[in-house]
Amino acid sequence: MQYGESTDAADRVRMAFESRRPAYSVVFVLCIGKASVRPDTWVRYPDAYKKHGHAQDGVRDIPECKALCVNDTKCSSIDWVHEAPDGQHCRHHGPTFKDVPVDTIQPQKGVTHYELRRSRSGYWVEMPNSEVEDPAAKATAAGDAESCRTSCADDPDCAMVNWNPAASGGKRCLIHGASSRSLPVRVSAGVTLYQLHRGGDGHCGEMHIISMSLSCH
C-alpha cells in the first residue's frame, strides 16, 4: 500500500477520535508497514468440481492457478482439470462468473476442486503512548506486539489491544471487546493502543498499520 491510499479511512478515524477526545490532536497519519495475520487456506476436494468455471488460459500448474484466484478478490474457488490440454487446466469460480444459481460441488473423476478460505483483511490504527482503561480487558500470553495483534484478529469480538512491553509477564497484551470503542483514550507513556478495523480491502492476508502520533493541547 502506498502512502495516501488509506486517506478516507484515516480521516474517518481522525474525526471520530477528535470528537471523542478533544484533548488530543492527530499530528500525522502514515502507513508504516504490514503485519501478516494468518495465511489463506484451501480446502481440497479430490475427484470433484463445480459447473460454470471460468477458464484461465496459459496457467501452468496448481500453485499459479491458486495465486491468480487469491489475487482476484471475487474468486472463491478453483478447479484443476488434470487431463485438459496444456494451458487449459485452471478454472476459476466467483460471483462475477455465475449468471446461474449457486453451483454445488459435484463428483467428477480427473478434476480436483479447491475452496479458498481467505484470511482476515483490514487495517490497524496505531496510537503510541495511549491506552484505554477497560475492566473487561482480557490478558493474553503474547510475547510481542505482532502476536498481540494476531490474538486480537483471531478473536471475533476483539476491537483493539493495548501492548505494554514493560508490564509483568502475562499482562503485556490486553485484548478489548467491541464495547471498548466507547471508552475514552488516555495518555500512557510506553503503551501502544492498536485499534482493529475489520473488512475486505483487496489486500488478502495482510493488515495495514496506520500510525497516529498524538500530542496534548
C-alpha atoms as a PDB file:
ATOM      1  CA  MET A   1       0.000   0.000   0.000  1.00  0.00           C
ATOM      2  CA  GLN A   2       1.311   3.410  -0.900  1.00  0.00           C
ATOM      3  CA  TYR A   3       1.030   6.494   1.254  1.00  0.00           C
ATOM      4  CA  GLY A   4      -2.331   8.156   0.754  1.00  0.00           C
ATOM      5  CA  GLU A   5      -4.346   5.052  -0.178  1.00  0.00           C
ATOM      6  CA  SER A   6      -5.920   4.892   3.297  1.00  0.00           C
ATOM      7  CA  THR A   7      -6.797   8.597   3.412  1.00  0.00           C
ATOM      8  CA  ASP A   8     -10.572   8.152   3.608  1.00  0.00           C
ATOM      9  CA  ALA A   9     -10.347   5.541   6.333  1.00  0.00           C
ATOM     10  CA  ALA A  10      -7.812   7.587   8.257  1.00  0.00           C
ATOM     11  CA  ASP A  11      -9.988  10.702   8.013  1.00  0.00           C
ATOM     12  CA  ARG A  12     -12.949   8.800   9.446  1.00  0.00           C
ATOM     13  CA  VAL A  13     -10.807   7.538  12.319  1.00  0.00           C
ATOM     14  CA  ARG A  14      -9.372  11.000  12.928  1.00  0.00           C
ATOM     15  CA  MET A  15     -12.797  12.687  13.030  1.00  0.00           C
ATOM     16  CA  ALA A  16     -14.248  10.061  15.344  1.00  0.00           C
ATOM     17  CA  PHE A  17     -11.207  10.233  17.582  1.00  0.00           C
ATOM     18  CA  GLU A  18     -11.159  14.024  17.771  1.00  0.00           C
ATOM     19  CA  SER A  19     -14.878  14.189  18.529  1.00  0.00           C
ATOM     20  CA  ARG A  20     -14.419  11.749  21.405  1.00  0.00           C
ATOM     21  CA  ARG A  21     -11.176  13.149  22.840  1.00  0.00           C
ATOM     22  CA  PRO A  22     -10.790  16.901  22.224  1.00  0.00           C
ATOM     23  CA  ALA A  23      -7.690  16.915  24.482  1.00  0.00           C
ATOM     24  CA  TYR A  24      -5.790  15.076  21.721  1.00  0.00           C
ATOM     25  CA  SER A  25      -4.865  16.094  18.221  1.00  0.00           C
ATOM     26  CA  VAL A  26      -3.685  13.993  15.304  1.00  0.00           C
ATOM     27  CA  VAL A  27      -0.295  15.182  14.115  1.00  0.00           C
ATOM     28  CA  PHE A  28       0.171  12.844  11.137  1.00  0.00           C
ATOM     29  CA  VAL A  29      -1.183   9.719   9.540  1.00  0.00           C
ATOM     30  CA  LEU A  30       1.249   7.379   7.822  1.00  0.00           C
ATOM     31  CA  CYS A  31       1.104   3.813   6.563  1.00  0.00           C
ATOM     32  CA  ILE A  32       4.182   2.343   8.249  1.00  0.00           C
ATOM     33  CA  GLY A  33       4.013  -1.324   7.360  1.00  0.00           C
ATOM     34  CA  LYS A  34       2.104  -4.580   7.114  1.00  0.00           C
ATOM     35  CA  ALA A  35       1.638  -7.410   9.592  1.00  0.00           C
ATOM     36  CA  SER A  36       0.603 -10.857   8.477  1.00  0.00           C
ATOM     37  CA  VAL A  37      -2.441 -12.114  10.333  1.00  0.00           C
ATOM     38  CA  ARG A  38      -2.977 -15.635   9.053  1.00  0.00           C
ATOM     39  CA  PRO A  39      -2.350 -17.289   5.706  1.00  0.00           C
ATOM     40  CA  ASP A  40      -5.046 -18.053   3.176  1.00  0.00           C
ATOM     41  CA  THR A  41      -6.021 -21.716   3.284  1.00  0.00           C
ATOM     42  CA  TRP A  42      -7.506 -24.116   0.744  1.00  0.00           C
ATOM     43  CA  VAL A  43      -9.938 -26.993   1.237  1.00  0.00           C
ATOM     44  CA  ARG A  44      -9.174 -29.774  -1.277  1.00  0.00           C
ATOM     45  CA  TYR A  45     -11.865 -31.985  -2.822  1.00  0.00           C
ATOM     46  CA  PRO A  46     -10.364 -34.802  -4.948  1.00  0.00           C
ATOM     47  CA  ASP A  47     -12.429 -36.019  -7.912  1.00  0.00           C
ATOM     48  CA  ALA A  48     -14.874 -33.116  -7.610  1.00  0.00           C
ATOM     49  CA  TYR A  49     -15.749 -29.914  -9.448  1.00  0.00           C
ATOM     50  CA  LYS A  50     -18.242 -27.076  -9.838  1.00  0.00           C
ATOM     51  CA  LYS A  51     -20.047 -26.216 -13.041  1.00  0.00           C
ATOM     52  CA  HIS A  52     -19.559 -22.972 -14.942  1.00  0.00           C
ATOM     53  CA  GLY A  53     -15.870 -22.496 -14.159  1.00  0.00           C
ATOM     54  CA  HIS A  54     -14.110 -19.638 -15.926  1.00  0.00           C
ATOM     55  CA  ALA A  55     -11.050 -20.936 -17.830  1.00  0.00           C
ATOM     56  CA  GLN A  56      -7.693 -19.278 -17.103  1.00  0.00           C
ATOM     57  CA  ASP A  57      -5.665 -19.733 -20.270  1.00  0.00           C
ATOM     58  CA  GLY A  58      -1.943 -20.426 -20.080  1.00  0.00           C
ATOM     59  CA  VAL A  59      -1.797 -21.386 -16.393  1.00  0.00           C
ATOM     60  CA  ARG A  60       0.987 -23.954 -15.952  1.00  0.00           C
ATOM     61  CA  ASP A  61       0.366 -25.512 -12.534  1.00  0.00           C
ATOM     62  CA  ILE A  62      -1.869 -25.583  -9.462  1.00  0.00           C
ATOM     63  CA  PRO A  63       0.136 -23.009  -7.416  1.00  0.00           C
ATOM     64  CA  GLU A  64      -0.193 -20.495 -10.260  1.00  0.00           C
ATOM     65  CA  CYS A  65      -3.932 -21.232 -10.558  1.00  0.00           C
ATOM     66  CA  LYS A  66      -4.340 -20.655  -6.805  1.00  0.00           C
ATOM     67  CA  ALA A  67      -2.257 -17.477  -6.840  1.00  0.00           C
ATOM     68  CA  LEU A  68      -4.397 -15.949  -9.587  1.00  0.00           C
ATOM     69  CA  CYS A  69      -7.511 -16.727  -7.564  1.00  0.00           C
ATOM     70  CA  VAL A  70      -6.088 -15.220  -4.362  1.00  0.00           C
ATOM     71  CA  ASN A  71      -5.192 -12.024  -6.245  1.00  0.00           C
ATOM     72  CA  ASP A  72      -8.742 -11.754  -7.631  1.00  0.00           C
ATOM     73  CA  THR A  73     -10.936 -10.637  -4.727  1.00  0.00           C
ATOM     74  CA  LYS A  74     -14.021 -12.038  -6.493  1.00  0.00           C
ATOM     75  CA  CYS A  75     -12.599 -15.551  -6.863  1.00  0.00           C
ATOM     76  CA  SER A  76     -13.808 -18.081  -4.274  1.00  0.00           C
ATOM     77  CA  SER A  77     -12.692 -21.488  -5.616  1.00  0.00           C
ATOM     78  CA  ILE A  78     -10.868 -23.240  -8.445  1.00  0.00           C
ATOM     79  CA  ASP A  79     -10.993 -26.473 -10.413  1.00  0.00           C
ATOM     80  CA  TRP A  80      -7.857 -28.156 -11.723  1.00  0.00           C
ATOM     81  CA  VAL A  81      -8.711 -30.392 -14.691  1.00  0.00           C
ATOM     82  CA  HIS A  82      -5.832 -32.872 -14.810  1.00  0.00           C
ATOM     83  CA  GLU A  83      -6.409 -34.266 -18.318  1.00  0.00           C
ATOM     84  CA  ALA A  84      -7.158 -30.942 -20.038  1.00  0.00           C
ATOM     85  CA  PRO A  85      -4.927 -29.717 -22.893  1.00  0.00           C
ATOM     86  CA  ASP A  86      -1.856 -27.731 -21.837  1.00  0.00           C
ATOM     87  CA  GLY A  87      -2.757 -24.267 -20.574  1.00  0.00           C
ATOM     88  CA  GLN A  88      -6.443 -25.129 -20.051  1.00  0.00           C
ATOM     89  CA  HIS A  89      -6.316 -26.923 -16.695  1.00  0.00           C
ATOM     90  CA  CYS A  90      -7.306 -23.996 -14.445  1.00  0.00           C
ATOM     91  CA  ARG A  91     -10.931 -22.882 -13.902  1.00  0.00           C
ATOM     92  CA  HIS A  92     -11.995 -20.120 -11.507  1.00  0.00           C
ATOM     93  CA  HIS A  93     -15.322 -19.622  -9.731  1.00  0.00           C
ATOM     94  CA  GLY A  94     -16.720 -16.488  -8.165  1.00  0.00           C
ATOM     95  CA  PRO A  95     -19.656 -14.051  -8.075  1.00  0.00           C
ATOM     96  CA  THR A  96     -18.789 -12.411 -11.413  1.00  0.00           C
ATOM     97  CA  PHE A  97     -18.643 -15.748 -13.182  1.00  0.00           C
ATOM     98  CA  LYS A  98     -22.116 -17.107 -12.388  1.00  0.00           C
ATOM     99  CA  ASP A  99     -25.297 -15.981 -14.104  1.00  0.00           C
ATOM    100  CA  VAL A 100     -26.911 -19.158 -12.791  1.00  0.00           C
ATOM    101  CA  PRO A 101     -27.975 -20.399  -9.343  1.00  0.00           C
ATOM    102  CA  VAL A 102     -25.109 -21.016  -6.917  1.00  0.00           C
ATOM    103  CA  ASP A 103     -23.219 -24.119  -8.013  1.00  0.00           C
ATOM    104  CA  THR A 104     -22.573 -27.016  -5.658  1.00  0.00           C
ATOM    105  CA  ILE A 105     -19.555 -29.314  -5.561  1.00  0.00           C
ATOM    106  CA  GLN A 106     -20.237 -32.446  -7.584  1.00  0.00           C
ATOM    107  CA  PRO A 107     -18.291 -35.697  -8.171  1.00  0.00           C
ATOM    108  CA  GLN A 108     -16.075 -35.680 -11.264  1.00  0.00           C
ATOM    109  CA  LYS A 109     -13.166 -38.032 -11.943  1.00  0.00           C
ATOM    110  CA  GLY A 110      -9.938 -36.387 -13.050  1.00  0.00           C
ATOM    111  CA  VAL A 111     -10.713 -32.968 -11.502  1.00  0.00           C
ATOM    112  CA  THR A 112      -9.607 -31.558  -8.143  1.00  0.00           C
ATOM    113  CA  HIS A 113     -11.685 -28.769  -6.618  1.00  0.00           C
ATOM    114  CA  TYR A 114     -10.233 -26.261  -4.144  1.00  0.00           C
ATOM    115  CA  GLU A 115     -12.313 -23.908  -1.982  1.00  0.00           C
ATOM    116  CA  LEU A 116     -10.499 -20.732  -0.885  1.00  0.00           C
ATOM    117  CA  ARG A 117     -10.734 -19.642   2.747  1.00  0.00           C
ATOM    118  CA  ARG A 118      -9.411 -16.113   2.768  1.00  0.00           C
ATOM    119  CA  SER A 119      -7.629 -14.675   5.772  1.00  0.00           C
ATOM    120  CA  ARG A 120      -8.989 -11.630   7.511  1.00  0.00           C
ATOM    121  CA  SER A 121      -8.089  -8.307   5.999  1.00  0.00           C
ATOM    122  CA  GLY A 122      -8.416  -4.771   7.219  1.00  0.00           C
ATOM    123  CA  TYR A 123      -6.203  -2.208   8.891  1.00  0.00           C
ATOM    124  CA  TRP A 124      -4.881  -1.230  12.291  1.00  0.00           C
ATOM    125  CA  VAL A 125      -4.734   2.256  13.763  1.00  0.00           C
ATOM    126  CA  GLU A 126      -1.647   2.532  15.978  1.00  0.00           C
ATOM    127  CA  MET A 127      -1.726   5.083  18.825  1.00  0.00           C
ATOM    128  CA  PRO A 128       1.624   5.340  20.609  1.00  0.00           C
ATOM    129  CA  ASN A 129       1.653   6.320  24.307  1.00  0.00           C
ATOM    130  CA  SER A 130      -2.084   5.675  24.591  1.00  0.00           C
ATOM    131  CA  GLU A 131      -4.395   3.187  26.291  1.00  0.00           C
ATOM    132  CA  VAL A 132      -8.000   2.562  27.262  1.00  0.00           C
ATOM    133  CA  GLU A 133      -8.942   1.676  30.841  1.00  0.00           C
ATOM    134  CA  ASP A 134     -11.159  -1.350  30.434  1.00  0.00           C
ATOM    135  CA  PRO A 135     -12.061  -3.563  33.422  1.00  0.00           C
ATOM    136  CA  ALA A 136     -13.292  -6.237  30.988  1.00  0.00           C
ATOM    137  CA  ALA A 137      -9.967  -6.494  29.115  1.00  0.00           C
ATOM    138  CA  LYS A 138      -8.533  -9.993  28.696  1.00  0.00           C
ATOM    139  CA  ALA A 139      -4.824 -10.674  29.207  1.00  0.00           C
ATOM    140  CA  THR A 140      -3.008 -12.987  26.788  1.00  0.00           C
ATOM    141  CA  ALA A 141       0.402 -14.623  26.821  1.00  0.00           C
ATOM    142  CA  ALA A 142       1.538 -12.828  23.637  1.00  0.00           C
ATOM    143  CA  GLY A 143       5.265 -12.172  23.706  1.00  0.00           C
ATOM    144  CA  ASP A 144       5.423  -9.297  21.224  1.00  0.00           C
ATOM    145  CA  ALA A 145       3.196  -6.674  19.606  1.00  0.00           C
ATOM    146  CA  GLU A 146       2.628  -8.691  16.433  1.00  0.00           C
ATOM    147  CA  SER A 147       1.483 -11.745  18.403  1.00  0.00           C
ATOM    148  CA  CYS A 148      -0.751  -9.479  20.440  1.00  0.00           C
ATOM    149  CA  ARG A 149      -2.425  -8.146  17.293  1.00  0.00           C
ATOM    150  CA  THR A 150      -2.767 -11.676  15.908  1.00  0.00           C
ATOM    151  CA  SER A 151      -4.556 -12.771  19.093  1.00  0.00           C
ATOM    152  CA  CYS A 152      -6.993  -9.921  18.548  1.00  0.00           C
ATOM    153  CA  ALA A 153      -7.553 -10.716  14.865  1.00  0.00           C
ATOM    154  CA  ASP A 154      -8.309 -14.339  15.783  1.00  0.00           C
ATOM    155  CA  ASP A 155     -10.958 -13.246  18.306  1.00  0.00           C
ATOM    156  CA  PRO A 156     -14.170 -12.161  16.503  1.00  0.00           C
ATOM    157  CA  ASP A 157     -15.158  -9.910  19.419  1.00  0.00           C
ATOM    158  CA  CYS A 158     -11.820  -8.094  19.677  1.00  0.00           C
ATOM    159  CA  ALA A 159     -11.811  -4.435  18.651  1.00  0.00           C
ATOM    160  CA  MET A 160      -8.446  -3.229  19.984  1.00  0.00           C
ATOM    161  CA  VAL A 161      -5.407  -4.205  22.026  1.00  0.00           C
ATOM    162  CA  ASN A 162      -3.037  -2.489  24.437  1.00  0.00           C
ATOM    163  CA  TRP A 163       0.608  -3.534  24.175  1.00  0.00           C
ATOM    164  CA  ASN A 164       2.767  -2.647  27.197  1.00  0.00           C
ATOM    165  CA  PRO A 165       6.284  -4.146  26.919  1.00  0.00           C
ATOM    166  CA  ALA A 166       7.111  -3.001  30.475  1.00  0.00           C
ATOM    167  CA  ALA A 167       4.196  -4.833  32.119  1.00  0.00           C
ATOM    168  CA  SER A 168       4.717  -8.025  34.076  1.00  0.00           C
ATOM    169  CA  GLY A 169       4.622 -11.343  32.223  1.00  0.00           C
ATOM    170  CA  GLY A 170       1.183 -12.327  31.017  1.00  0.00           C
ATOM    171  CA  LYS A 171      -0.126  -8.759  31.181  1.00  0.00           C
ATOM    172  CA  ARG A 172       1.755  -7.112  28.326  1.00  0.00           C
ATOM    173  CA  CYS A 173      -1.088  -7.753  25.863  1.00  0.00           C
ATOM    174  CA  LEU A 174      -4.627  -6.760  26.822  1.00  0.00           C
ATOM    175  CA  ILE A 175      -7.492  -7.548  24.431  1.00  0.00           C
ATOM    176  CA  HIS A 176     -10.571  -5.309  24.406  1.00  0.00           C
ATOM    177  CA  GLY A 177     -14.018  -6.265  23.116  1.00  0.00           C
ATOM    178  CA  ALA A 178     -16.289  -4.307  20.800  1.00  0.00           C
ATOM    179  CA  SER A 179     -17.807  -2.318  23.681  1.00  0.00           C
ATOM    180  CA  SER A 180     -14.389  -0.760  24.379  1.00  0.00           C
ATOM    181  CA  ARG A 181     -14.773   1.581  21.384  1.00  0.00           C
ATOM    182  CA  SER A 182     -16.932   3.819  23.580  1.00  0.00           C
ATOM    183  CA  LEU A 183     -14.218   4.105  26.264  1.00  0.00           C
ATOM    184  CA  PRO A 184     -12.018   7.213  26.475  1.00  0.00           C
ATOM    185  CA  VAL A 185      -8.413   7.028  25.305  1.00  0.00           C
ATOM    186  CA  ARG A 186      -5.810   8.425  27.686  1.00  0.00           C
ATOM    187  CA  VAL A 187      -2.091   9.186  27.590  1.00  0.00           C
ATOM    188  CA  SER A 188       0.088   6.366  28.939  1.00  0.00           C
ATOM    189  CA  ALA A 189       3.837   6.542  28.309  1.00  0.00           C
ATOM    190  CA  GLY A 190       5.326   3.466  26.668  1.00  0.00           C
ATOM    191  CA  VAL A 191       1.968   1.789  25.960  1.00  0.00           C
ATOM    192  CA  THR A 192       0.666   1.383  22.406  1.00  0.00           C
ATOM    193  CA  LEU A 193      -3.024   1.102  21.576  1.00  0.00           C
ATOM    194  CA  TYR A 194      -3.926  -0.721  18.342  1.00  0.00           C
ATOM    195  CA  GLN A 195      -7.477  -0.314  17.043  1.00  0.00           C
ATOM    196  CA  LEU A 196      -8.613  -3.038  14.640  1.00  0.00           C
ATOM    197  CA  HIS A 197     -10.867  -2.119  11.724  1.00  0.00           C
ATOM    198  CA  ARG A 198     -12.047  -5.278  10.032  1.00  0.00           C
ATOM    199  CA  GLY A 199     -13.204  -5.605   6.460  1.00  0.00           C
ATOM    200  CA  GLY A 200     -12.142  -6.533   2.961  1.00  0.00           C
ATOM    201  CA  ASP A 201      -9.709  -4.070   1.470  1.00  0.00           C
ATOM    202  CA  GLY A 202      -8.465  -6.058  -1.508  1.00  0.00           C
ATOM    203  CA  HIS A 203      -5.212  -6.986   0.220  1.00  0.00           C
ATOM    204  CA  CYS A 204      -5.903 -10.578   1.284  1.00  0.00           C
ATOM    205  CA  GLY A 205      -3.872 -11.878   4.159  1.00  0.00           C
ATOM    206  CA  GLU A 206      -2.408  -8.544   5.231  1.00  0.00           C
ATOM    207  CA  MET A 207      -3.130  -5.985   7.910  1.00  0.00           C
ATOM    208  CA  HIS A 208      -2.050  -2.427   7.207  1.00  0.00           C
ATOM    209  CA  ILE A 209      -0.882  -0.278  10.117  1.00  0.00           C
ATOM    210  CA  ILE A 210      -1.771   3.411  10.146  1.00  0.00           C
ATOM    211  CA  SER A 211       0.335   5.254  12.711  1.00  0.00           C
ATOM    212  CA  MET A 212      -1.315   8.162  14.507  1.00  0.00           C
ATOM    213  CA  SER A 213       1.085  10.256  16.563  1.00  0.00           C
ATOM    214  CA  LEU A 214      -0.763  12.053  19.328  1.00  0.00           C
ATOM    215  CA  SER A 215       0.011  15.112  21.428  1.00  0.00           C
ATOM    216  CA  CYS A 216      -1.820  17.006  24.136  1.00  0.00           C
ATOM    217  CA  HIS A 217      -3.198  20.500  23.521  1.00  0.00           C
END
